[in-house]
Protein backbone atom coordinates (compact mmCIF):
# COMPACT_ATOMS: atom_id res chain seq x y z
CA MET A 1 -16.37 8.55 7.66
CA ARG A 2 -13.55 10.92 6.81
CA GLY A 3 -13.02 12.48 3.39
CA GLU A 4 -10.53 11.08 0.87
CA PHE A 5 -7.59 13.30 1.84
CA ASP A 6 -8.14 12.81 5.57
CA LEU A 7 -8.13 9.04 4.99
CA ILE A 8 -4.93 9.31 2.93
CA ASP A 9 -3.24 11.28 5.73
CA LEU A 10 -4.45 8.80 8.35
CA PHE A 11 -3.36 5.74 6.34
CA THR A 12 0.05 7.11 5.39
CA SER A 13 0.80 8.21 8.96
CA ARG A 14 1.87 4.63 9.75
CA LEU A 15 3.96 3.92 6.64
CA PRO A 16 7.44 5.08 5.61
CA ARG A 17 7.47 7.81 2.98
CA PRO A 18 10.40 8.93 0.85
CA PRO A 19 11.35 12.51 0.13
CA ALA A 20 9.74 12.21 -3.35
CA PRO A 21 8.86 15.31 -5.38
CA MET A 22 5.19 14.31 -5.14
CA GLY A 23 3.76 11.56 -3.03
CA PRO A 24 0.63 10.10 -1.49
CA GLY A 25 -2.38 12.31 -1.97
CA ASP A 26 -1.43 13.69 -5.36
CA ASP A 27 -3.03 12.45 -8.58
CA CYS A 28 0.19 10.74 -9.56
CA ALA A 29 3.44 9.67 -7.93
CA VAL A 30 6.42 11.46 -9.46
CA LEU A 31 9.65 9.50 -9.47
CA PRO A 32 13.06 10.82 -10.39
CA ALA A 33 14.42 9.52 -13.68
CA SER A 34 17.00 6.79 -13.35
CA ARG A 35 18.88 4.29 -15.47
CA GLY A 36 17.54 0.84 -16.17
CA GLN A 37 13.96 -0.29 -16.21
CA LEU A 38 11.14 0.54 -13.84
CA CYS A 39 8.78 -2.32 -12.86
CA LEU A 40 5.30 -1.45 -11.61
CA THR A 41 2.62 -3.83 -10.39
CA THR A 42 -0.83 -3.45 -8.86
CA ASP A 43 -2.51 -6.62 -7.67
CA ALA A 44 -5.72 -5.80 -5.84
CA LEU A 45 -7.29 -7.94 -3.14
CA VAL A 46 -11.05 -8.36 -3.30
CA GLU A 47 -13.11 -9.39 -0.29
CA GLY A 48 -14.92 -12.64 -1.01
CA VAL A 49 -12.39 -13.58 -3.70
CA HIS A 50 -8.93 -13.26 -2.11
CA PHE A 51 -9.95 -13.13 1.56
CA SER A 52 -12.97 -13.28 3.83
CA ARG A 53 -13.40 -10.98 6.80
CA PRO A 54 -14.33 -13.72 9.28
CA ALA A 55 -11.14 -15.66 8.47
CA PHE A 56 -8.69 -12.73 8.15
CA SER A 57 -8.05 -9.69 10.32
CA LEU A 58 -7.60 -6.32 8.64
CA GLU A 59 -3.91 -6.52 9.56
CA ASP A 60 -3.75 -9.86 7.70
CA VAL A 61 -5.37 -8.23 4.67
CA GLY A 62 -2.91 -5.31 4.76
CA HIS A 63 0.02 -7.72 4.99
CA LYS A 64 -1.24 -9.84 2.10
CA ALA A 65 -1.95 -6.80 -0.07
CA LEU A 66 1.67 -5.68 0.08
CA ALA A 67 3.12 -9.21 0.04
CA VAL A 68 1.46 -10.26 -3.23
CA ASN A 69 2.82 -7.19 -5.00
CA LEU A 70 6.33 -7.63 -3.58
CA SER A 71 6.15 -11.24 -4.76
CA ASP A 72 5.30 -10.11 -8.31
CA LEU A 73 8.30 -7.79 -8.32
CA ALA A 74 10.59 -10.51 -6.98
CA ALA A 75 9.38 -12.84 -9.73
CA MET A 76 10.61 -10.28 -12.26
CA GLY A 77 13.97 -9.88 -10.54
CA ALA A 78 13.11 -6.32 -9.52
CA LYS A 79 14.48 -4.63 -6.42
CA PRO A 80 11.57 -2.63 -5.01
CA GLU A 81 12.09 0.78 -3.44
CA TRP A 82 8.51 2.08 -3.38
CA PHE A 83 4.94 0.88 -3.40
CA LEU A 84 1.56 2.21 -4.43
CA CYS A 85 -1.64 1.47 -2.55
CA ALA A 86 -5.23 1.89 -3.72
CA LEU A 87 -8.13 1.22 -1.35
CA ALA A 88 -11.82 0.73 -2.00
CA LEU A 89 -13.45 0.76 1.42
CA PRO A 90 -16.99 0.34 2.65
CA ARG A 91 -18.51 3.47 4.19
CA SER A 92 -18.65 1.62 7.50
CA PHE A 93 -14.83 1.54 7.81
CA THR A 94 -13.60 3.35 10.88
CA ASP A 95 -10.30 5.15 11.44
CA GLN A 96 -9.18 2.09 13.41
CA ASP A 97 -9.97 -0.16 10.43
CA VAL A 98 -7.86 2.01 8.11
CA LEU A 99 -4.99 2.01 10.60
CA ALA A 100 -5.23 -1.79 10.95
CA LEU A 101 -4.70 -2.18 7.19
CA ALA A 102 -1.66 0.10 7.33
CA LYS A 103 -0.34 -1.70 10.42
CA GLY A 104 -0.50 -4.97 8.50
CA MET A 105 1.70 -3.48 5.77
CA GLN A 106 4.27 -1.99 8.16
CA PRO A 107 6.44 -5.08 8.83
CA SER A 108 6.87 -5.97 5.15
CA ALA A 109 7.45 -2.33 4.18
CA ARG A 110 10.22 -2.07 6.78
CA GLN A 111 11.71 -5.49 6.06
CA HIS A 112 11.91 -4.84 2.32
CA ARG A 113 12.75 -1.15 2.76
CA VAL A 114 9.94 0.03 0.51
CA LYS A 115 8.20 3.36 0.95
CA LEU A 116 4.64 4.34 0.09
CA ILE A 117 4.66 6.90 -2.73
CA GLY A 118 1.00 7.07 -3.72
CA GLY A 119 -1.87 5.12 -5.08
């Protein structure tokens, strides 16, 4: 299994990234100050609670992980521009598994024009 930063680079290689001052891989995402309010949400998916591996592909899990958070933002009337992603993975995960999760997020990220900024 790769180290943390190698996994971050691998995972983010498939997702759109903004020209943010700091982004994925740093301890914190840094966003430029703007007017209005900033809405943040982090709903985690837990295997055995929110999905089961036999019933869902890793692409399905990636899709659902982003979709539930976009749904929370929509419920608040927010217009998302970015998203955060945190992963807790078993040691047995391969590079292909990590890429499958990211691939599942790609269509929603593109459709909603949101960019990964950290996690």
